Amino acid sequence: MGGDLVEAFADLESVASACRKLLAENSWRLADSDIVDVTRCLHRVESTVRRCRSRR
């Protein structure tokens, strides 16, 4: 289960890195798909943490 959490955080970091790059290139408005990707990754991290806690 710990591997799932690490993978979820890695995915979130990847998406966040892509968004940071866009912002650094003066793209002040993120595309809806970028926002959906970040939201999806955040929900994945949250659900993985909940599963880890419930198995304690």
PDB file of N, CA and C in Angstrom:
ATOM      1  N   MET A   1       0.829  -1.190   0.000  1.00  0.00           N
ATOM      2  CA  MET A   1       0.000   0.000   0.000  1.00  0.00           C
ATOM      3  C   MET A   1       0.874   1.255   0.000  1.00  0.00           C
ATOM      4  N   GLY A   2       2.031   1.209   0.661  1.00  0.00           N
ATOM      5  CA  GLY A   2       2.919   2.366   0.683  1.00  0.00           C
ATOM      6  C   GLY A   2       3.409   2.742  -0.698  1.00  0.00           C
ATOM      7  N   GLY A   3       3.608   1.724  -1.548  1.00  0.00           N
ATOM      8  CA  GLY A   3       4.027   1.988  -2.920  1.00  0.00           C
ATOM      9  C   GLY A   3       2.972   2.751  -3.697  1.00  0.00           C
ATOM     10  N   ASP A   4       1.699   2.445  -3.421  1.00  0.00           N
ATOM     11  CA  ASP A   4       0.603   3.165  -4.082  1.00  0.00           C
ATOM     12  C   ASP A   4       0.628   4.643  -3.715  1.00  0.00           C
ATOM     13  N   LEU A   5       0.916   4.923  -2.462  1.00  0.00           N
ATOM     14  CA  LEU A   5       0.955   6.310  -2.005  1.00  0.00           C
ATOM     15  C   LEU A   5       2.131   7.049  -2.642  1.00  0.00           C
ATOM     16  N   VAL A   6       3.269   6.405  -2.701  1.00  0.00           N
ATOM     17  CA  VAL A   6       4.443   7.017  -3.338  1.00  0.00           C
ATOM     18  C   VAL A   6       4.155   7.299  -4.806  1.00  0.00           C
ATOM     19  N   GLU A   7       3.528   6.344  -5.469  1.00  0.00           N
ATOM     20  CA  GLU A   7       3.178   6.520  -6.881  1.00  0.00           C
ATOM     21  C   GLU A   7       2.176   7.662  -7.069  1.00  0.00           C
ATOM     22  N   ALA A   8       1.205   7.761  -6.179  1.00  0.00           N
ATOM     23  CA  ALA A   8       0.212   8.831  -6.265  1.00  0.00           C
ATOM     24  C   ALA A   8       0.869  10.199  -6.082  1.00  0.00           C
ATOM     25  N   PHE A   9       1.786  10.301  -5.116  1.00  0.00           N
ATOM     26  CA  PHE A   9       2.493  11.567  -4.915  1.00  0.00           C
ATOM     27  C   PHE A   9       3.406  11.886  -6.099  1.00  0.00           C
ATOM     28  N   ALA A  10       4.017  10.869  -6.693  1.00  0.00           N
ATOM     29  CA  ALA A  10       4.870  11.092  -7.869  1.00  0.00           C
ATOM     30  C   ALA A  10       4.051  11.630  -9.035  1.00  0.00           C
ATOM     31  N   ASP A  11       2.856  11.084  -9.232  1.00  0.00           N
ATOM     32  CA  ASP A  11       1.976  11.583 -10.292  1.00  0.00           C
ATOM     33  C   ASP A  11       1.585  13.031 -10.033  1.00  0.00           C
ATOM     34  N   LEU A  12       1.271  13.342  -8.784  1.00  0.00           N
ATOM     35  CA  LEU A  12       0.905  14.710  -8.421  1.00  0.00           C
ATOM     36  C   LEU A  12       2.081  15.655  -8.668  1.00  0.00           C
ATOM     37  N   GLU A  13       3.270  15.243  -8.294  1.00  0.00           N
ATOM     38  CA  GLU A  13       4.456  16.076  -8.514  1.00  0.00           C
ATOM     39  C   GLU A  13       4.691  16.305 -10.003  1.00  0.00           C
ATOM     40  N   SER A  14       4.472  15.289 -10.802  1.00  0.00           N
ATOM     41  CA  SER A  14       4.648  15.420 -12.251  1.00  0.00           C
ATOM     42  C   SER A  14       3.692  16.449 -12.841  1.00  0.00           C
ATOM     43  N   VAL A  15       2.440  16.371 -12.443  1.00  0.00           N
ATOM     44  CA  VAL A  15       1.437  17.316 -12.942  1.00  0.00           C
ATOM     45  C   VAL A  15       1.738  18.723 -12.427  1.00  0.00           C
ATOM     46  N   ALA A  16       2.106  18.831 -11.157  1.00  0.00           N
ATOM     47  CA  ALA A  16       2.430  20.141 -10.586  1.00  0.00           C
ATOM     48  C   ALA A  16       3.643  20.747 -11.285  1.00  0.00           C
ATOM     49  N   SER A  17       4.615  19.924 -11.616  1.00  0.00           N
ATOM     50  CA  SER A  17       5.801  20.398 -12.321  1.00  0.00           C
ATOM     51  C   SER A  17       5.441  20.949 -13.695  1.00  0.00           C
ATOM     52  N   ALA A  18       4.559  20.263 -14.394  1.00  0.00           N
ATOM     53  CA  ALA A  18       4.117  20.730 -15.712  1.00  0.00           C
ATOM     54  C   ALA A  18       3.390  22.069 -15.593  1.00  0.00           C
ATOM     55  N   CYS A  19       2.577  22.215 -14.552  1.00  0.00           N
ATOM     56  CA  CYS A  19       1.861  23.479 -14.339  1.00  0.00           C
ATOM     57  C   CYS A  19       2.832  24.601 -13.984  1.00  0.00           C
ATOM     58  N   ARG A  20       3.831  24.297 -13.148  1.00  0.00           N
ATOM     59  CA  ARG A  20       4.839  25.309 -12.803  1.00  0.00           C
ATOM     60  C   ARG A  20       5.584  25.775 -14.048  1.00  0.00           C
ATOM     61  N   LYS A  21       5.890  24.834 -14.936  1.00  0.00           N
ATOM     62  CA  LYS A  21       6.587  25.174 -16.176  1.00  0.00           C
ATOM     63  C   LYS A  21       5.731  26.118 -17.024  1.00  0.00           C
ATOM     64  N   LEU A  22       4.444  25.827 -17.140  1.00  0.00           N
ATOM     65  CA  LEU A  22       3.552  26.704 -17.899  1.00  0.00           C
ATOM     66  C   LEU A  22       3.513  28.104 -17.299  1.00  0.00           C
ATOM     67  N   LEU A  23       3.429  28.168 -15.981  1.00  0.00           N
ATOM     68  CA  LEU A  23       3.384  29.469 -15.315  1.00  0.00           C
ATOM     69  C   LEU A  23       4.701  30.226 -15.483  1.00  0.00           C
ATOM     70  N   ALA A  24       5.818  29.510 -15.462  1.00  0.00           N
ATOM     71  CA  ALA A  24       7.123  30.142 -15.651  1.00  0.00           C
ATOM     72  C   ALA A  24       7.262  30.713 -17.062  1.00  0.00           C
ATOM     73  N   GLU A  25       6.567  30.115 -18.008  1.00  0.00           N
ATOM     74  CA  GLU A  25       6.599  30.587 -19.394  1.00  0.00           C
ATOM     75  C   GLU A  25       5.560  31.677 -19.632  1.00  0.00           C
ATOM     76  N   ASN A  26       5.079  32.260 -18.534  1.00  0.00           N
ATOM     77  CA  ASN A  26       4.097  33.347 -18.585  1.00  0.00           C
ATOM     78  C   ASN A  26       2.745  32.924 -19.141  1.00  0.00           C
ATOM     79  N   SER A  27       2.416  31.673 -19.006  1.00  0.00           N
ATOM     80  CA  SER A  27       1.062  31.213 -19.329  1.00  0.00           C
ATOM     81  C   SER A  27       0.242  31.367 -18.058  1.00  0.00           C
ATOM     82  N   TRP A  28      -0.313  32.530 -17.856  1.00  0.00           N
ATOM     83  CA  TRP A  28      -0.983  32.829 -16.596  1.00  0.00           C
ATOM     84  C   TRP A  28      -2.317  32.132 -16.451  1.00  0.00           C
ATOM     85  N   ARG A  29      -2.789  31.561 -17.526  1.00  0.00           N
ATOM     86  CA  ARG A  29      -4.068  30.851 -17.455  1.00  0.00           C
ATOM     87  C   ARG A  29      -3.830  29.387 -17.809  1.00  0.00           C
ATOM     88  N   LEU A  30      -4.113  28.511 -16.870  1.00  0.00           N
ATOM     89  CA  LEU A  30      -3.972  27.081 -17.127  1.00  0.00           C
ATOM     90  C   LEU A  30      -5.188  26.580 -17.888  1.00  0.00           C
ATOM     91  N   ALA A  31      -4.961  25.622 -18.745  1.00  0.00           N
ATOM     92  CA  ALA A  31      -6.061  25.003 -19.482  1.00  0.00           C
ATOM     93  C   ALA A  31      -6.920  24.194 -18.514  1.00  0.00           C
ATOM     94  N   ASP A  32      -8.176  24.046 -18.858  1.00  0.00           N
ATOM     95  CA  ASP A  32      -9.083  23.251 -18.017  1.00  0.00           C
ATOM     96  C   ASP A  32      -8.547  21.842 -17.815  1.00  0.00           C
ATOM     97  N   SER A  33      -7.931  21.273 -18.842  1.00  0.00           N
ATOM     98  CA  SER A  33      -7.404  19.908 -18.723  1.00  0.00           C
ATOM     99  C   SER A  33      -6.286  19.836 -17.687  1.00  0.00           C
ATOM    100  N   ASP A  34      -5.474  20.894 -17.566  1.00  0.00           N
ATOM    101  CA  ASP A  34      -4.424  20.914 -16.545  1.00  0.00           C
ATOM    102  C   ASP A  34      -5.028  20.939 -15.149  1.00  0.00           C
ATOM    103  N   ILE A  35      -6.067  21.716 -14.977  1.00  0.00           N
ATOM    104  CA  ILE A  35      -6.738  21.795 -13.676  1.00  0.00           C
ATOM    105  C   ILE A  35      -7.388  20.462 -13.332  1.00  0.00           C
ATOM    106  N   VAL A  36      -7.990  19.816 -14.316  1.00  0.00           N
ATOM    107  CA  VAL A  36      -8.600  18.504 -14.100  1.00  0.00           C
ATOM    108  C   VAL A  36      -7.532  17.490 -13.711  1.00  0.00           C
ATOM    109  N   ASP A  37      -6.362  17.531 -14.366  1.00  0.00           N
ATOM    110  CA  ASP A  37      -5.278  16.604 -14.038  1.00  0.00           C
ATOM    111  C   ASP A  37      -4.817  16.783 -12.595  1.00  0.00           C
ATOM    112  N   VAL A  38      -4.630  18.023 -12.172  1.00  0.00           N
ATOM    113  CA  VAL A  38      -4.199  18.289 -10.797  1.00  0.00           C
ATOM    114  C   VAL A  38      -5.256  17.801  -9.811  1.00  0.00           C
ATOM    115  N   THR A  39      -6.515  18.109 -10.086  1.00  0.00           N
ATOM    116  CA  THR A  39      -7.608  17.693  -9.206  1.00  0.00           C
ATOM    117  C   THR A  39      -7.689  16.179  -9.117  1.00  0.00           C
ATOM    118  N   ARG A  40      -7.567  15.518 -10.237  1.00  0.00           N
ATOM    119  CA  ARG A  40      -7.618  14.054 -10.269  1.00  0.00           C
ATOM    120  C   ARG A  40      -6.480  13.460  -9.439  1.00  0.00           C
ATOM    121  N   CYS A  41      -5.281  14.016  -9.561  1.00  0.00           N
ATOM    122  CA  CYS A  41      -4.152  13.520  -8.784  1.00  0.00           C
ATOM    123  C   CYS A  41      -4.340  13.770  -7.295  1.00  0.00           C
ATOM    124  N   LEU A  42      -4.866  14.925  -6.927  1.00  0.00           N
ATOM    125  CA  LEU A  42      -5.129  15.206  -5.513  1.00  0.00           C
ATOM    126  C   LEU A  42      -6.139  14.226  -4.931  1.00  0.00           C
ATOM    127  N   HIS A  43      -7.178  13.922  -5.680  1.00  0.00           N
ATOM    128  CA  HIS A  43      -8.175  12.955  -5.212  1.00  0.00           C
ATOM    129  C   HIS A  43      -7.561  11.565  -5.080  1.00  0.00           C
ATOM    130  N   ARG A  44      -6.655  11.224  -5.983  1.00  0.00           N
ATOM    131  CA  ARG A  44      -5.999   9.916  -5.900  1.00  0.00           C
ATOM    132  C   ARG A  44      -5.146   9.826  -4.639  1.00  0.00           C
ATOM    133  N   VAL A  45      -4.396  10.883  -4.336  1.00  0.00           N
ATOM    134  CA  VAL A  45      -3.591  10.898  -3.113  1.00  0.00           C
ATOM    135  C   VAL A  45      -4.498  10.760  -1.895  1.00  0.00           C
ATOM    136  N   GLU A  46      -5.581  11.526  -1.870  1.00  0.00           N
ATOM    137  CA  GLU A  46      -6.510  11.490  -0.740  1.00  0.00           C
ATOM    138  C   GLU A  46      -7.100  10.098  -0.545  1.00  0.00           C
ATOM    139  N   SER A  47      -7.549   9.464  -1.610  1.00  0.00           N
ATOM    140  CA  SER A  47      -8.155   8.136  -1.471  1.00  0.00           C
ATOM    141  C   SER A  47      -7.120   7.094  -1.061  1.00  0.00           C
ATOM    142  N   THR A  48      -5.888   7.237  -1.535  1.00  0.00           N
ATOM    143  CA  THR A  48      -4.837   6.300  -1.149  1.00  0.00           C
ATOM    144  C   THR A  48      -4.505   6.445   0.326  1.00  0.00           C
ATOM    145  N   VAL A  49      -4.435   7.677   0.819  1.00  0.00           N
ATOM    146  CA  VAL A  49      -4.174   7.912   2.246  1.00  0.00           C
ATOM    147  C   VAL A  49      -5.297   7.319   3.085  1.00  0.00           C
ATOM    148  N   ARG A  50      -6.531   7.501   2.661  1.00  0.00           N
ATOM    149  CA  ARG A  50      -7.663   6.937   3.413  1.00  0.00           C
ATOM    150  C   ARG A  50      -7.583   5.412   3.472  1.00  0.00           C
ATOM    151  N   ARG A  51      -7.222   4.788   2.353  1.00  0.00           N
ATOM    152  CA  ARG A  51      -7.090   3.322   2.346  1.00  0.00           C
ATOM    153  C   ARG A  51      -5.978   2.885   3.279  1.00  0.00           C
ATOM    154  N   CYS A  52      -4.857   3.616   3.284  1.00  0.00           N
ATOM    155  CA  CYS A  52      -3.741   3.272   4.174  1.00  0.00           C
ATOM    156  C   CYS A  52      -4.161   3.382   5.639  1.00  0.00           C
ATOM    157  N   ARG A  53      -4.891   4.435   5.964  1.00  0.00           N
ATOM    158  CA  ARG A  53      -5.339   4.632   7.350  1.00  0.00           C
ATOM    159  C   ARG A  53      -6.335   3.567   7.777  1.00  0.00           C
ATOM    160  N   SER A  54      -7.199   3.152   6.879  1.00  0.00           N
ATOM    161  CA  SER A  54      -8.224   2.171   7.244  1.00  0.00           C
ATOM    162  C   SER A  54      -7.637   0.778   7.450  1.00  0.00           C
ATOM    163  N   ARG A  55      -6.448   0.535   6.949  1.00  0.00           N
ATOM    164  CA  ARG A  55      -5.819  -0.786   7.089  1.00  0.00           C
ATOM    165  C   ARG A  55      -4.922  -0.880   8.308  1.00  0.00           C
ATOM    166  N   ARG A  56      -4.821   0.191   9.064  1.00  0.00           N
ATOM    167  CA  ARG A  56      -3.978   0.164  10.277  1.00  0.00           C
ATOM    168  C   ARG A  56      -4.587  -0.687  11.330  1.00  0.00           C
TER     169      ARG A  56
END
